[in-house]
Amino acid sequence: MKKKITYKDAPKSIQKALENSVVMEDFLPKPKDLVLMSRDVKVTINLTEQSVGYFKKASAKYGIPYQKLIKRVLDTYASRGQATS
């Protein structure tokens, strides 16, 4: 940060916290380095209602789309299978 920013209308507690804060060096990786780049292949697959229901319920619990959850399960299974081959 090159220019110091002053907060004139902030409550006193926030002003004090800002004055006492320490600027940290950016240590996070670049966004492109956070995502594993993989080539996805679209497939059509028939699943049972029971399986889809399970993944939809689990995806709601974890807050991710059920298709991504199915993909993670398959990727994990495949990588473990490759490791033991």
C-alpha atoms as a PDB file:
ATOM      1  CA  MET A   1       0.000   0.000   0.000  1.00  0.00           C
ATOM      2  CA  LYS A   2       1.579   3.191  -1.157  1.00  0.00           C
ATOM      3  CA  LYS A   3      -1.015   5.694  -0.023  1.00  0.00           C
ATOM      4  CA  LYS A   4      -2.298   5.804   3.548  1.00  0.00           C
ATOM      5  CA  ILE A   5      -6.082   5.768   3.766  1.00  0.00           C
ATOM      6  CA  THR A   6      -7.761   7.575   6.635  1.00  0.00           C
ATOM      7  CA  TYR A   7     -11.238   6.700   7.856  1.00  0.00           C
ATOM      8  CA  LYS A   8     -12.715   9.832   9.394  1.00  0.00           C
ATOM      9  CA  ASP A   9     -16.284   8.630   9.907  1.00  0.00           C
ATOM     10  CA  ALA A  10     -15.497   5.198  11.323  1.00  0.00           C
ATOM     11  CA  PRO A  11     -16.460   4.370  14.928  1.00  0.00           C
ATOM     12  CA  LYS A  12     -13.622   4.844  17.452  1.00  0.00           C
ATOM     13  CA  SER A  13     -13.208   1.091  17.977  1.00  0.00           C
ATOM     14  CA  ILE A  14     -12.676   0.548  14.266  1.00  0.00           C
ATOM     15  CA  GLN A  15     -10.343   3.538  14.006  1.00  0.00           C
ATOM     16  CA  LYS A  16      -8.224   2.156  16.821  1.00  0.00           C
ATOM     17  CA  ALA A  17      -8.171  -1.325  15.280  1.00  0.00           C
ATOM     18  CA  LEU A  18      -7.095   0.103  11.925  1.00  0.00           C
ATOM     19  CA  GLU A  19      -4.371   2.215  13.504  1.00  0.00           C
ATOM     20  CA  ASN A  20      -2.993  -0.809  15.351  1.00  0.00           C
ATOM     21  CA  SER A  21      -3.228  -3.181  12.406  1.00  0.00           C
ATOM     22  CA  VAL A  22      -0.199  -4.537  10.588  1.00  0.00           C
ATOM     23  CA  VAL A  23      -0.009  -4.816   6.813  1.00  0.00           C
ATOM     24  CA  MET A  24       0.921  -8.358   5.848  1.00  0.00           C
ATOM     25  CA  GLU A  25       2.875  -9.321   2.785  1.00  0.00           C
ATOM     26  CA  ASP A  26       0.729 -11.090   0.178  1.00  0.00           C
ATOM     27  CA  PHE A  27       1.398 -14.792   0.716  1.00  0.00           C
ATOM     28  CA  LEU A  28      -1.484 -16.323  -1.231  1.00  0.00           C
ATOM     29  CA  PRO A  29      -0.847 -18.070  -4.530  1.00  0.00           C
ATOM     30  CA  LYS A  30      -2.278 -16.574  -7.706  1.00  0.00           C
ATOM     31  CA  PRO A  31      -5.875 -17.664  -8.428  1.00  0.00           C
ATOM     32  CA  LYS A  32      -4.789 -19.678 -11.469  1.00  0.00           C
ATOM     33  CA  ASP A  33      -2.463 -21.688  -9.192  1.00  0.00           C
ATOM     34  CA  LEU A  34      -5.290 -22.558  -6.800  1.00  0.00           C
ATOM     35  CA  VAL A  35      -7.310 -24.442  -9.381  1.00  0.00           C
ATOM     36  CA  LEU A  36      -6.189 -27.782 -10.686  1.00  0.00           C
ATOM     37  CA  MET A  37      -6.300 -27.548 -14.419  1.00  0.00           C
ATOM     38  CA  SER A  38      -7.786 -30.684 -15.843  1.00  0.00           C
ATOM     39  CA  ARG A  39      -9.385 -31.419 -19.144  1.00  0.00           C
ATOM     40  CA  ASP A  40     -12.958 -32.441 -18.543  1.00  0.00           C
ATOM     41  CA  VAL A  41     -14.806 -34.818 -20.817  1.00  0.00           C
ATOM     42  CA  LYS A  42     -18.584 -34.657 -21.021  1.00  0.00           C
ATOM     43  CA  VAL A  43     -20.285 -38.028 -20.666  1.00  0.00           C
ATOM     44  CA  THR A  44     -23.822 -39.278 -20.445  1.00  0.00           C
ATOM     45  CA  ILE A  45     -24.419 -41.774 -17.677  1.00  0.00           C
ATOM     46  CA  ASN A  46     -27.515 -43.454 -16.305  1.00  0.00           C
ATOM     47  CA  LEU A  47     -27.673 -43.521 -12.513  1.00  0.00           C
ATOM     48  CA  THR A  48     -30.306 -44.879 -10.187  1.00  0.00           C
ATOM     49  CA  GLU A  49     -32.738 -42.490  -8.530  1.00  0.00           C
ATOM     50  CA  GLN A  50     -31.290 -43.650  -5.205  1.00  0.00           C
ATOM     51  CA  SER A  51     -27.749 -42.619  -6.195  1.00  0.00           C
ATOM     52  CA  VAL A  52     -28.796 -39.253  -7.576  1.00  0.00           C
ATOM     53  CA  GLY A  53     -30.959 -38.634  -4.496  1.00  0.00           C
ATOM     54  CA  TYR A  54     -28.005 -39.396  -2.234  1.00  0.00           C
ATOM     55  CA  PHE A  55     -25.685 -37.014  -4.081  1.00  0.00           C
ATOM     56  CA  LYS A  56     -28.303 -34.260  -4.195  1.00  0.00           C
ATOM     57  CA  LYS A  57     -28.839 -34.543  -0.441  1.00  0.00           C
ATOM     58  CA  ALA A  58     -25.086 -34.603   0.259  1.00  0.00           C
ATOM     59  CA  SER A  59     -24.452 -31.680  -2.102  1.00  0.00           C
ATOM     60  CA  ALA A  60     -27.053 -29.584  -0.305  1.00  0.00           C
ATOM     61  CA  LYS A  61     -25.294 -30.359   2.979  1.00  0.00           C
ATOM     62  CA  TYR A  62     -21.886 -29.279   1.618  1.00  0.00           C
ATOM     63  CA  GLY A  63     -23.149 -26.435  -0.572  1.00  0.00           C
ATOM     64  CA  ILE A  64     -21.805 -27.660  -3.913  1.00  0.00           C
ATOM     65  CA  PRO A  65     -23.627 -28.818  -7.062  1.00  0.00           C
ATOM     66  CA  TYR A  66     -24.335 -32.543  -7.033  1.00  0.00           C
ATOM     67  CA  GLN A  67     -22.587 -33.054 -10.396  1.00  0.00           C
ATOM     68  CA  LYS A  68     -19.349 -31.688  -8.929  1.00  0.00           C
ATOM     69  CA  LEU A  69     -19.729 -33.986  -5.934  1.00  0.00           C
ATOM     70  CA  ILE A  70     -20.149 -37.006  -8.224  1.00  0.00           C
ATOM     71  CA  LYS A  71     -17.081 -35.861 -10.196  1.00  0.00           C
ATOM     72  CA  ARG A  72     -15.017 -35.586  -6.990  1.00  0.00           C
ATOM     73  CA  VAL A  73     -16.029 -39.072  -5.908  1.00  0.00           C
ATOM     74  CA  LEU A  74     -15.132 -40.537  -9.301  1.00  0.00           C
ATOM     75  CA  ASP A  75     -11.834 -38.624  -9.483  1.00  0.00           C
ATOM     76  CA  THR A  76     -10.867 -39.762  -5.976  1.00  0.00           C
ATOM     77  CA  TYR A  77     -11.741 -43.360  -6.784  1.00  0.00           C
ATOM     78  CA  ALA A  78      -9.788 -43.232 -10.062  1.00  0.00           C
ATOM     79  CA  SER A  79      -6.687 -41.661  -8.492  1.00  0.00           C
ATOM     80  CA  ARG A  80      -6.610 -44.268  -5.731  1.00  0.00           C
ATOM     81  CA  GLY A  81      -7.053 -47.015  -8.295  1.00  0.00           C
ATOM     82  CA  GLN A  82      -4.135 -45.661 -10.313  1.00  0.00           C
ATOM     83  CA  ALA A  83      -1.964 -45.473  -7.188  1.00  0.00           C
ATOM     84  CA  THR A  84      -2.505 -49.141  -6.406  1.00  0.00           C
ATOM     85  CA  SER A  85      -2.030 -50.361 -10.005  1.00  0.00           C
END
